[in-house]
Amino acid sequence: MPTRDAGPFPGRVLDALAAAADRPVVEHGARAVTGAELLDLVGRIAAGLREAGLGPGDGVALLLGVTPEAFAVVLAAHAVGARVVGVRPGLPDAQLRHLLGLDIAAVVTDSGERHAPRTLTVDALCATRADGGPPRPAGRPGDVARLIHTSGSTGMPKACAQTYAAMTAAWATRPAEWPPVIRELAPRLERHLVFGTLSSQVVFEYAVLAVVAGGTVVVADRPELPDAITRHRASSSVITVPRLAKLVAAQRRDPADLSSLRALVVSGSPLTAARHREALEVLGPVVFHGYGQTETGMISMAGPADPPGSVGVPPPAVDVEVRDERGAPVPVGVDGELFVRTPAQAGSYWADPERSAEVFTGGWVRTRDLGRFDPDGRLHLTGRTRDVVIVNANLHHVGPIERVLAEHPDVAEAYVVAVPDEDTGEAVHAFVVPTTGREPDPAALRALVTDRLGAACAPARVTAIAEPPLAPSGKPDKRLLSTQT
């Protein structure tokens, strides 16, 4: 890797592509794209964006699949210094309109469908003639480099604003600053399987890590496991807890040849000690258990040799404090709320000062997760302070779900709790108090929530109750409701 100053993000990634000139860095079906070819794509797309008048500080929304061109578009948009807004597929129309209304100068899509007056297609951008030579990163340190969106469970997605200075400081592109667990992981990303969307912070950053580490990003159009691993001879992938549970069950039932597999990075929700232990037993020493948030990026990670149930030792560049209800640090072994500082953390929620003040405080990020340190410095997650449901690794606040359910004419009151789910990790269980003389139809309630908030928020179970149990304070006691699931 060149030692010169690579400039702002994605300078180090472009250097890695130049160093991998003749080596495949992205594989998609029968197509293998070398570092030089991907770098050329980035240059042409960046030139096309500049020809469209886009540059530092301009908002660019990306509605893309997972392809070599999509990867190049993300890098090119950052190379011109734009404020990049990745849009996940399958969003409800209201949330899509909200994202495209966040001071967006242009939309880039690979579908040909127009989403805004200024819609640019990937094909047209790739046909642009490059300016000559690799693009020179133009991001300004204090500018917002990207808006990374939370699940949208509060009605509309919250946009975490990460600056170019923060993206440039991130560990993924800086091998000299990789913490020990990433040094252990990086060589295992030789054939790193990706699927879903590059709008996912985790998917994109581990793809970048794979390229910087000398690996190949392998795109899986059919992401079913274990088939995708065996078909592509994948050495690594990012996986959610529910998908890990399914993979472990499939291997117990009918073992596939996973001899190529060297790393599964478990992300999105906590992995219990029992599931962690079972995964190591069935799959071997390939499980890396990551902990992070949209607001912070990676906070800590356990390697295969760490005790099951922990998320490892936070790296030196990350500060983690466990605090009590008064905000004072607690001793080792005592549970408390986790406050975190990372070099790459977001600075605020875009255009949302009220929520920003709740979470971004004094240079720290309030995670609203509960945890403790053990005597060896390993971090253990023990719960959360938020009233949320985590479905397929996406966090959904229950308040908006309850409000939508209560809008139905057959529902007088609604209370939502999380229940374990083998397919999605957790699912929504709604307890509803019917309007007098009415009988709520669960299918109608699911359809209402799906239309307003998306399918992940729709209740998997609906239970009618005469009234909720009350806590000593006189408020509805959801802990008691949870025992009735």
Protein backbone atom coordinates (compact mmCIF):
# COMPACT_ATOMS: atom_id res chain seq x y z
CA MET A 1 0.00 0.00 0.00
CA PRO A 2 1.34 3.50 -0.80
CA THR A 3 2.46 5.43 2.27
CA ARG A 4 1.72 8.89 0.85
CA ASP A 5 -1.15 10.92 2.22
CA ALA A 6 -4.15 9.51 0.36
CA GLY A 7 -6.29 12.52 1.19
CA PRO A 8 -9.91 12.24 2.30
CA PHE A 9 -12.07 9.17 1.89
CA PRO A 10 -12.07 7.23 -0.45
CA GLY A 11 -8.43 7.98 -1.19
CA ARG A 12 -7.05 4.88 0.54
CA VAL A 13 -9.60 2.67 -1.23
CA LEU A 14 -8.57 4.11 -4.60
CA ASP A 15 -4.93 3.44 -3.70
CA ALA A 16 -5.86 -0.15 -2.88
CA LEU A 17 -7.55 -0.52 -6.28
CA ALA A 18 -4.45 0.88 -8.02
CA ALA A 19 -2.25 -1.59 -6.13
CA ALA A 20 -4.57 -4.43 -7.21
CA ALA A 21 -4.36 -3.46 -10.88
CA ASP A 22 -4.38 -7.00 -12.31
CA ARG A 23 -6.11 -8.78 -9.43
CA PRO A 24 -9.89 -9.40 -9.34
CA VAL A 25 -11.42 -7.20 -6.64
CA VAL A 26 -15.11 -7.82 -7.45
CA GLU A 27 -16.63 -11.00 -8.83
CA HIS A 28 -20.22 -11.01 -10.10
CA GLY A 29 -21.36 -14.21 -11.75
CA ALA A 30 -18.94 -15.08 -14.52
CA ARG A 31 -17.51 -11.55 -14.50
CA ALA A 32 -14.31 -10.72 -12.61
CA VAL A 33 -13.43 -7.01 -12.33
CA THR A 34 -9.80 -6.14 -11.61
CA GLY A 35 -8.61 -3.25 -9.49
CA ALA A 36 -7.63 -1.29 -12.61
CA GLU A 37 -11.04 -1.88 -14.20
CA LEU A 38 -12.94 -0.82 -11.08
CA LEU A 39 -10.72 2.24 -10.70
CA ASP A 40 -11.49 3.16 -14.32
CA LEU A 41 -15.21 2.80 -13.59
CA VAL A 42 -14.87 5.09 -10.57
CA GLY A 43 -13.06 7.65 -12.70
CA ARG A 44 -15.71 7.63 -15.43
CA ILE A 45 -18.61 7.81 -12.99
CA ALA A 46 -16.94 10.63 -11.04
CA ALA A 47 -16.48 12.53 -14.31
CA GLY A 48 -20.16 11.99 -15.12
CA LEU A 49 -21.21 13.30 -11.71
CA ARG A 50 -19.06 16.39 -12.15
CA GLU A 51 -20.48 16.95 -15.63
CA ALA A 52 -23.91 16.91 -14.00
CA GLY A 53 -22.74 19.76 -11.78
CA LEU A 54 -22.32 17.67 -8.64
CA GLY A 55 -19.50 18.24 -6.21
CA PRO A 56 -18.58 18.92 -2.59
CA GLY A 57 -21.58 19.27 -0.30
CA ASP A 58 -24.22 18.22 -2.85
CA GLY A 59 -26.73 15.57 -1.77
CA VAL A 60 -26.75 12.45 -3.99
CA ALA A 61 -29.21 9.62 -3.31
CA LEU A 62 -28.24 6.12 -4.49
CA LEU A 63 -30.91 3.54 -5.39
CA LEU A 64 -28.72 0.63 -6.42
CA GLY A 65 -28.38 -3.12 -6.32
CA VAL A 66 -25.15 -4.95 -5.49
CA THR A 67 -22.94 -4.93 -8.59
CA PRO A 68 -19.41 -3.80 -9.48
CA GLU A 69 -20.96 -0.64 -10.95
CA ALA A 70 -22.88 0.05 -7.74
CA PHE A 71 -19.66 -0.26 -5.71
CA ALA A 72 -17.97 2.13 -8.15
CA VAL A 73 -20.86 4.63 -7.90
CA VAL A 74 -20.56 4.78 -4.10
CA LEU A 75 -16.80 5.40 -4.32
CA ALA A 76 -17.23 7.96 -7.13
CA ALA A 77 -19.90 9.91 -5.27
CA HIS A 78 -17.53 10.19 -2.33
CA ALA A 79 -14.62 11.02 -4.62
CA VAL A 80 -16.43 14.15 -5.84
CA GLY A 81 -17.16 15.11 -2.22
CA ALA A 82 -20.92 14.60 -2.33
CA ARG A 83 -23.19 13.93 0.63
CA VAL A 84 -24.17 10.35 -0.13
CA VAL A 85 -27.57 8.98 0.86
CA GLY A 86 -27.93 5.24 0.32
CA VAL A 87 -31.54 4.09 0.01
CA ARG A 88 -32.45 0.56 1.09
CA PRO A 89 -34.74 -1.37 -1.26
CA GLY A 90 -38.29 -2.10 -0.14
CA LEU A 91 -38.94 1.08 1.83
CA PRO A 92 -42.57 2.22 2.16
CA ASP A 93 -43.41 5.03 -0.27
CA ALA A 94 -43.66 7.62 2.50
CA GLN A 95 -40.16 6.80 3.78
CA LEU A 96 -38.73 6.82 0.25
CA ARG A 97 -40.23 10.26 -0.39
CA HIS A 98 -38.81 11.44 2.91
CA LEU A 99 -35.27 10.31 2.05
CA LEU A 100 -35.40 11.82 -1.41
CA GLY A 101 -36.50 15.10 0.13
CA LEU A 102 -33.37 15.53 2.28
CA ASP A 103 -31.84 18.32 0.18
CA ILE A 104 -31.04 15.89 -2.64
CA ALA A 105 -29.49 17.40 -5.78
CA ALA A 106 -29.68 14.18 -7.84
CA VAL A 107 -30.67 10.53 -7.70
CA VAL A 108 -28.51 7.76 -9.19
CA THR A 109 -30.30 4.54 -10.09
CA ASP A 110 -29.56 1.34 -11.98
CA SER A 111 -33.23 0.61 -12.67
CA GLY A 112 -33.98 3.38 -15.17
CA GLU A 113 -36.96 4.46 -13.06
CA ARG A 114 -37.20 8.20 -12.44
CA HIS A 115 -37.40 9.11 -8.77
CA ALA A 116 -36.68 12.84 -9.00
CA PRO A 117 -36.44 15.55 -11.68
CA ARG A 118 -32.69 14.97 -11.76
CA THR A 119 -32.23 11.23 -12.12
CA LEU A 120 -28.92 9.86 -13.42
CA THR A 121 -28.57 6.28 -14.61
CA VAL A 122 -25.57 4.09 -13.88
CA ASP A 123 -25.29 3.16 -17.56
CA ALA A 124 -25.05 6.82 -18.60
CA LEU A 125 -22.46 7.60 -15.92
CA CYS A 126 -20.34 4.60 -16.91
CA ALA A 127 -20.36 5.81 -20.53
CA THR A 128 -18.77 9.13 -19.54
CA ARG A 129 -15.20 9.70 -20.61
CA ALA A 130 -12.87 9.95 -17.63
CA ASP A 131 -10.92 13.14 -17.02
CA GLY A 132 -7.63 11.24 -17.15
CA GLY A 133 -5.96 9.44 -14.29
CA PRO A 134 -7.55 8.32 -11.04
CA PRO A 135 -10.05 10.73 -9.50
CA ARG A 136 -8.66 13.07 -6.86
CA PRO A 137 -10.82 12.89 -3.70
CA ALA A 138 -12.52 16.25 -3.20
CA GLY A 139 -14.30 15.74 0.12
CA ARG A 140 -13.90 18.58 2.60
CA PRO A 141 -13.19 17.37 6.16
CA GLY A 142 -16.11 19.17 7.82
CA ASP A 143 -18.67 18.33 5.14
CA VAL A 144 -21.14 15.53 5.72
CA ALA A 145 -19.92 12.57 3.66
CA ARG A 146 -22.93 10.34 4.09
CA LEU A 147 -26.25 10.02 5.82
CA ILE A 148 -26.61 6.51 7.25
CA HIS A 149 -30.22 5.77 8.05
CA THR A 150 -31.65 3.94 10.99
CA SER A 151 -34.58 1.58 10.50
CA GLY A 152 -37.25 4.26 10.25
CA SER A 153 -39.22 2.76 13.11
CA THR A 154 -39.94 6.16 14.59
CA GLY A 155 -42.07 6.88 11.52
CA MET A 156 -39.25 8.24 9.37
CA PRO A 157 -35.63 7.06 9.26
CA LYS A 158 -33.17 9.08 11.33
CA ALA A 159 -30.14 10.09 9.29
CA CYS A 160 -26.79 9.79 11.06
CA ALA A 161 -24.53 12.48 9.63
CA GLN A 162 -20.91 11.31 9.26
CA THR A 163 -18.31 13.79 8.04
CA TYR A 164 -15.45 13.20 5.60
CA ALA A 165 -13.04 13.62 8.51
CA ALA A 166 -14.80 10.77 10.35
CA MET A 167 -14.91 8.49 7.30
CA THR A 168 -11.22 9.13 6.64
CA ALA A 169 -10.41 8.21 10.26
CA ALA A 170 -12.33 4.90 10.09
CA TRP A 171 -10.25 1.78 10.76
CA ALA A 172 -11.29 -0.23 7.68
CA THR A 173 -9.00 1.62 5.26
CA ARG A 174 -6.05 2.00 7.66
CA PRO A 175 -4.16 -1.33 8.02
CA ALA A 176 -1.57 0.18 10.36
CA GLU A 177 -4.37 0.97 12.82
CA TRP A 178 -6.34 -2.27 12.60
CA PRO A 179 -7.08 -3.60 16.10
CA PRO A 180 -5.87 -7.16 16.81
CA VAL A 181 -9.24 -8.78 16.05
CA ILE A 182 -9.36 -7.08 12.62
CA ARG A 183 -5.79 -8.20 11.93
CA GLU A 184 -7.02 -11.72 12.63
CA LEU A 185 -10.11 -11.25 10.46
CA ALA A 186 -8.59 -9.46 7.45
CA PRO A 187 -6.65 -12.40 5.91
CA ARG A 188 -9.83 -14.48 6.06
CA LEU A 189 -11.66 -12.13 3.65
CA GLU A 190 -10.03 -13.71 0.59
CA ARG A 191 -13.42 -14.33 -1.04
CA HIS A 192 -15.87 -12.14 0.84
CA LEU A 193 -19.53 -12.85 0.03
CA VAL A 194 -21.89 -9.85 -0.15
CA PHE A 195 -25.61 -9.58 -0.78
CA GLY A 196 -28.50 -7.31 0.13
CA THR A 197 -27.58 -3.67 -0.38
CA LEU A 198 -24.48 -1.49 -0.33
CA SER A 199 -26.66 1.06 1.48
CA SER A 200 -26.01 -1.08 4.55
CA GLN A 201 -23.20 0.46 6.54
CA VAL A 202 -21.95 -2.98 7.58
CA VAL A 203 -22.11 -4.55 4.09
CA PHE A 204 -20.25 -1.62 2.51
CA GLU A 205 -17.54 -1.31 5.15
CA TYR A 206 -16.62 -5.00 5.18
CA ALA A 207 -16.53 -4.95 1.39
CA VAL A 208 -14.07 -2.06 1.63
CA LEU A 209 -12.07 -3.96 4.24
CA ALA A 210 -11.91 -7.00 1.96
CA VAL A 211 -10.49 -4.93 -0.91
CA VAL A 212 -7.94 -3.15 1.31
CA ALA A 213 -6.93 -6.53 2.81
CA GLY A 214 -6.24 -7.96 -0.65
CA GLY A 215 -9.42 -10.00 -1.03
CA THR A 216 -12.19 -10.24 -3.61
CA VAL A 217 -15.76 -9.07 -3.05
CA VAL A 218 -18.01 -11.86 -4.34
CA VAL A 219 -21.58 -10.80 -5.16
CA ALA A 220 -24.26 -13.42 -4.44
CA ASP A 221 -27.44 -12.88 -6.45
CA ARG A 222 -28.95 -15.83 -4.57
CA PRO A 223 -27.96 -15.33 -0.94
CA GLU A 224 -29.44 -18.51 0.56
CA LEU A 225 -27.06 -20.18 2.98
CA PRO A 226 -25.24 -22.51 2.98
CA ASP A 227 -25.72 -22.79 -0.80
CA ALA A 228 -24.16 -19.38 -1.54
CA ILE A 229 -21.05 -20.27 0.47
CA THR A 230 -20.52 -23.60 -1.28
CA ARG A 231 -21.43 -22.28 -4.76
CA HIS A 232 -18.99 -19.35 -4.56
CA ARG A 233 -16.39 -21.07 -2.36
CA ALA A 234 -16.73 -18.07 -0.08
CA SER A 235 -14.24 -17.58 2.74
CA SER A 236 -16.26 -15.00 4.67
CA SER A 237 -19.48 -13.04 4.94
CA VAL A 238 -21.47 -10.79 7.26
CA ILE A 239 -24.45 -12.53 8.82
CA THR A 240 -27.32 -11.67 11.16
CA VAL A 241 -28.17 -13.72 14.23
CA PRO A 242 -31.32 -15.28 12.66
CA ARG A 243 -29.40 -16.28 9.51
CA LEU A 244 -26.65 -17.75 11.67
CA ALA A 245 -29.22 -19.81 13.59
CA LYS A 246 -30.66 -21.12 10.31
CA LEU A 247 -27.20 -21.97 8.99
CA VAL A 248 -26.30 -23.85 12.17
CA ALA A 249 -29.60 -25.77 12.05
CA ALA A 250 -29.05 -26.64 8.38
CA GLN A 251 -25.55 -27.91 9.12
CA ARG A 252 -26.83 -30.09 11.93
CA ARG A 253 -29.57 -31.49 9.70
CA ASP A 254 -27.70 -31.94 6.42
CA PRO A 255 -24.07 -30.76 6.52
CA ALA A 256 -22.80 -28.91 3.46
CA ASP A 257 -19.15 -28.57 2.46
CA LEU A 258 -18.11 -25.36 4.22
CA SER A 259 -14.39 -26.07 4.05
CA SER A 260 -13.77 -22.72 2.31
CA LEU A 261 -15.37 -20.75 5.16
CA ARG A 262 -12.97 -18.94 7.49
CA ALA A 263 -15.03 -16.07 8.95
CA LEU A 264 -18.64 -15.15 9.65
CA VAL A 265 -19.04 -11.66 11.08
CA VAL A 266 -22.21 -11.71 13.19
CA SER A 267 -23.76 -8.26 13.28
CA GLY A 268 -27.00 -6.42 13.97
CA SER A 269 -28.14 -7.83 17.31
CA PRO A 270 -26.64 -9.55 20.36
CA LEU A 271 -25.63 -13.20 20.12
CA THR A 272 -26.43 -15.16 23.26
CA ALA A 273 -23.70 -17.24 24.84
CA ALA A 274 -25.63 -20.44 24.05
CA ARG A 275 -26.07 -19.60 20.34
CA HIS A 276 -22.47 -18.38 20.15
CA ARG A 277 -21.19 -21.62 21.68
CA GLU A 278 -23.36 -23.75 19.38
CA ALA A 279 -22.18 -21.86 16.29
CA LEU A 280 -18.54 -22.41 17.22
CA GLU A 281 -19.24 -26.08 17.89
CA VAL A 282 -21.01 -26.69 14.56
CA LEU A 283 -19.14 -24.29 12.23
CA GLY A 284 -15.73 -24.27 13.85
CA PRO A 285 -13.54 -21.27 14.82
CA VAL A 286 -15.00 -18.92 12.22
CA VAL A 287 -17.41 -16.79 14.29
CA PHE A 288 -16.57 -13.10 14.86
CA HIS A 289 -19.21 -11.36 16.98
CA GLY A 290 -19.34 -7.63 16.25
CA TYR A 291 -21.01 -4.88 18.23
CA GLY A 292 -21.67 -1.45 16.80
CA GLN A 293 -24.36 1.06 15.98
CA THR A 294 -25.32 3.14 12.98
CA GLU A 295 -24.27 6.18 15.01
CA THR A 296 -20.82 4.84 15.93
CA GLY A 297 -19.62 2.16 13.53
CA MET A 298 -17.80 -0.77 15.12
CA ILE A 299 -17.44 -0.54 18.89
CA SER A 300 -15.98 -3.95 19.71
CA MET A 301 -15.62 -7.43 18.27
CA ALA A 302 -15.02 -10.90 19.67
CA GLY A 303 -12.82 -13.31 17.76
CA PRO A 304 -13.26 -17.09 17.67
CA ALA A 305 -11.06 -17.55 20.76
CA ASP A 306 -13.02 -15.09 22.93
CA PRO A 307 -15.49 -16.50 25.47
CA PRO A 308 -18.94 -17.06 23.93
CA GLY A 309 -21.35 -14.27 24.81
CA SER A 310 -18.83 -11.44 24.92
CA VAL A 311 -18.18 -8.89 22.17
CA GLY A 312 -14.46 -8.81 22.87
CA VAL A 313 -12.15 -6.03 24.02
CA PRO A 314 -12.83 -2.60 22.48
CA PRO A 315 -9.84 -1.40 20.42
CA PRO A 316 -7.57 1.32 21.83
CA ALA A 317 -9.07 3.98 19.53
CA VAL A 318 -12.54 3.39 20.99
CA ASP A 319 -13.62 4.67 24.40
CA VAL A 320 -16.44 2.86 26.20
CA GLU A 321 -17.83 3.94 29.57
CA VAL A 322 -20.42 2.01 31.57
CA ARG A 323 -22.51 4.54 33.50
CA ASP A 324 -25.24 4.38 36.11
CA GLU A 325 -28.55 6.25 36.00
CA ARG A 326 -26.86 9.42 37.28
CA GLY A 327 -24.23 9.29 34.53
CA ALA A 328 -21.38 8.18 36.80
CA PRO A 329 -19.00 5.38 35.72
CA VAL A 330 -19.59 2.02 37.43
CA PRO A 331 -16.99 -0.57 38.51
CA VAL A 332 -15.94 -3.59 36.48
CA GLY A 333 -18.58 -6.31 36.61
CA VAL A 334 -21.48 -3.92 37.20
CA ASP A 335 -24.17 -3.36 34.57
CA GLY A 336 -24.87 0.11 33.25
CA GLU A 337 -25.64 2.08 30.12
CA LEU A 338 -22.90 2.21 27.48
CA PHE A 339 -21.52 5.55 26.30
CA VAL A 340 -19.07 5.37 23.40
CA ARG A 341 -16.58 7.49 21.44
CA THR A 342 -15.15 6.23 18.13
CA PRO A 343 -12.97 8.00 15.55
CA ALA A 344 -15.60 7.47 12.83
CA GLN A 345 -18.79 8.24 14.74
CA ALA A 346 -21.54 10.44 13.37
CA GLY A 347 -21.82 13.93 14.82
CA SER A 348 -25.59 14.33 14.82
CA TYR A 349 -28.86 13.32 13.23
CA TRP A 350 -29.37 15.33 10.06
CA ALA A 351 -31.78 18.26 10.64
CA ASP A 352 -32.93 16.79 13.97
CA PRO A 353 -31.43 18.82 16.83
CA GLU A 354 -33.82 17.46 19.46
CA ARG A 355 -32.92 13.79 18.95
CA SER A 356 -29.27 14.72 18.37
CA ALA A 357 -29.13 16.30 21.83
CA GLU A 358 -30.47 13.08 23.38
CA VAL A 359 -27.85 10.81 21.79
CA PHE A 360 -24.77 12.90 20.91
CA THR A 361 -23.67 14.39 24.20
CA GLY A 362 -20.33 15.94 25.11
CA GLY A 363 -18.48 14.11 22.35
CA TRP A 364 -19.97 10.77 23.43
CA VAL A 365 -22.70 8.68 21.83
CA ARG A 366 -25.33 7.41 24.22
CA THR A 367 -25.98 3.88 22.93
CA ARG A 368 -28.97 3.14 25.21
CA ASP A 369 -27.61 -0.39 25.44
CA LEU A 370 -26.79 -2.03 28.75
CA GLY A 371 -23.56 -3.89 29.40
CA ARG A 372 -20.60 -4.52 31.66
CA PHE A 373 -16.88 -5.18 31.51
CA ASP A 374 -15.38 -8.38 32.90
CA PRO A 375 -12.00 -8.40 34.71
CA ASP A 376 -10.23 -9.23 31.42
CA GLY A 377 -11.56 -6.07 29.75
CA ARG A 378 -14.09 -7.86 27.57
CA LEU A 379 -17.43 -6.20 26.99
CA HIS A 380 -20.69 -8.08 27.59
CA LEU A 381 -24.09 -6.81 26.40
CA THR A 382 -26.86 -7.38 28.92
CA GLY A 383 -29.94 -5.54 27.62
CA ARG A 384 -31.20 -2.20 26.37
CA THR A 385 -32.91 0.85 27.79
CA ARG A 386 -35.01 1.47 24.70
CA ASP A 387 -38.52 0.19 24.03
CA VAL A 388 -37.65 -1.47 20.75
CA VAL A 389 -37.96 -4.62 18.65
CA ILE A 390 -34.96 -5.77 16.60
CA VAL A 391 -36.17 -7.48 13.41
CA ASN A 392 -33.56 -8.88 11.01
CA ALA A 393 -30.90 -6.74 12.74
CA ASN A 394 -32.91 -3.54 12.24
CA LEU A 395 -34.06 -1.65 15.31
CA HIS A 396 -37.72 -0.56 15.42
CA HIS A 397 -39.17 1.63 18.17
CA VAL A 398 -42.52 0.35 19.36
CA GLY A 399 -44.15 3.75 19.94
CA PRO A 400 -44.97 4.45 16.28
CA ILE A 401 -46.29 0.88 15.87
CA GLU A 402 -48.60 1.36 18.85
CA ARG A 403 -49.82 4.70 17.49
CA VAL A 404 -50.63 3.23 14.07
CA LEU A 405 -52.48 0.27 15.61
CA ALA A 406 -54.49 2.63 17.82
CA GLU A 407 -55.64 4.55 14.74
CA HIS A 408 -57.66 1.53 13.59
CA PRO A 409 -61.35 2.01 14.47
CA ASP A 410 -61.51 -1.42 16.13
CA VAL A 411 -58.62 -0.67 18.54
CA ALA A 412 -58.94 1.50 21.62
CA GLU A 413 -55.41 0.93 22.96
CA ALA A 414 -52.33 -0.91 21.70
CA TYR A 415 -49.21 -2.18 23.44
CA VAL A 416 -46.26 -3.74 21.61
CA VAL A 417 -43.53 -6.00 22.98
CA ALA A 418 -40.71 -7.97 21.39
CA VAL A 419 -40.91 -11.75 21.16
CA PRO A 420 -38.18 -14.20 20.08
CA ASP A 421 -38.47 -15.36 16.49
CA GLU A 422 -36.44 -18.11 14.81
CA ASP A 423 -36.57 -16.39 11.41
CA THR A 424 -36.03 -12.72 12.29
CA GLY A 425 -34.44 -12.73 15.75
CA GLU A 426 -37.32 -10.80 17.25
CA ALA A 427 -40.83 -10.00 16.08
CA VAL A 428 -43.67 -7.70 17.09
CA HIS A 429 -46.37 -8.99 19.46
CA ALA A 430 -49.27 -6.56 19.72
CA PHE A 431 -51.69 -6.57 22.65
CA VAL A 432 -54.80 -4.60 21.71
CA VAL A 433 -57.78 -3.42 23.75
CA PRO A 434 -60.76 -3.61 21.36
CA THR A 435 -63.13 -0.72 20.87
CA THR A 436 -66.42 -1.53 22.62
CA GLY A 437 -68.44 -3.94 20.53
CA ARG A 438 -65.68 -4.41 17.93
CA GLU A 439 -63.38 -7.35 17.21
CA PRO A 440 -60.06 -6.38 15.61
CA ASP A 441 -59.00 -8.40 12.56
CA PRO A 442 -55.27 -9.29 12.93
CA ALA A 443 -54.81 -9.36 9.15
CA ALA A 444 -56.24 -5.85 8.84
CA LEU A 445 -53.95 -4.59 11.60
CA ARG A 446 -50.91 -6.16 9.95
CA ALA A 447 -51.85 -4.57 6.62
CA LEU A 448 -52.26 -1.15 8.24
CA VAL A 449 -48.85 -1.29 9.93
CA THR A 450 -47.17 -2.68 6.81
CA ASP A 451 -48.54 0.17 4.70
CA ARG A 452 -47.45 2.84 7.16
CA LEU A 453 -44.20 1.53 8.63
CA GLY A 454 -43.13 -1.48 6.57
CA ALA A 455 -43.52 -5.24 6.86
CA ALA A 456 -40.89 -5.63 9.59
CA CYS A 457 -43.07 -3.61 11.99
CA ALA A 458 -46.23 -5.63 11.30
CA PRO A 459 -47.28 -7.73 14.32
CA ALA A 460 -46.48 -11.41 13.98
CA ARG A 461 -48.97 -11.99 16.79
CA VAL A 462 -52.03 -10.03 17.90
CA THR A 463 -53.67 -10.70 21.26
CA ALA A 464 -56.89 -9.01 22.39
CA ILE A 465 -56.97 -8.05 26.08
CA ALA A 466 -59.61 -6.36 28.22
CA GLU A 467 -57.01 -4.03 29.76
CA PRO A 468 -53.23 -3.99 30.26
CA PRO A 469 -51.62 -5.02 33.55
CA LEU A 470 -50.43 -2.04 35.56
CA ALA A 471 -47.12 -1.40 37.27
CA PRO A 472 -47.03 0.10 40.79
CA SER A 473 -46.71 3.51 39.13
CA GLY A 474 -50.10 3.00 37.54
CA LYS A 475 -48.62 2.80 34.06
CA PRO A 476 -49.08 -0.21 31.73
CA ASP A 477 -46.54 -2.88 32.66
CA LYS A 478 -45.00 -4.25 29.48
CA ARG A 479 -42.72 -6.57 31.42
CA LEU A 480 -45.80 -8.42 32.59
CA LEU A 481 -47.19 -8.42 29.05
CA SER A 482 -43.94 -9.96 27.87
CA THR A 483 -44.52 -12.92 30.19
CA GLN A 484 -47.79 -13.57 28.35
CA THR A 485 -46.15 -14.12 24.98
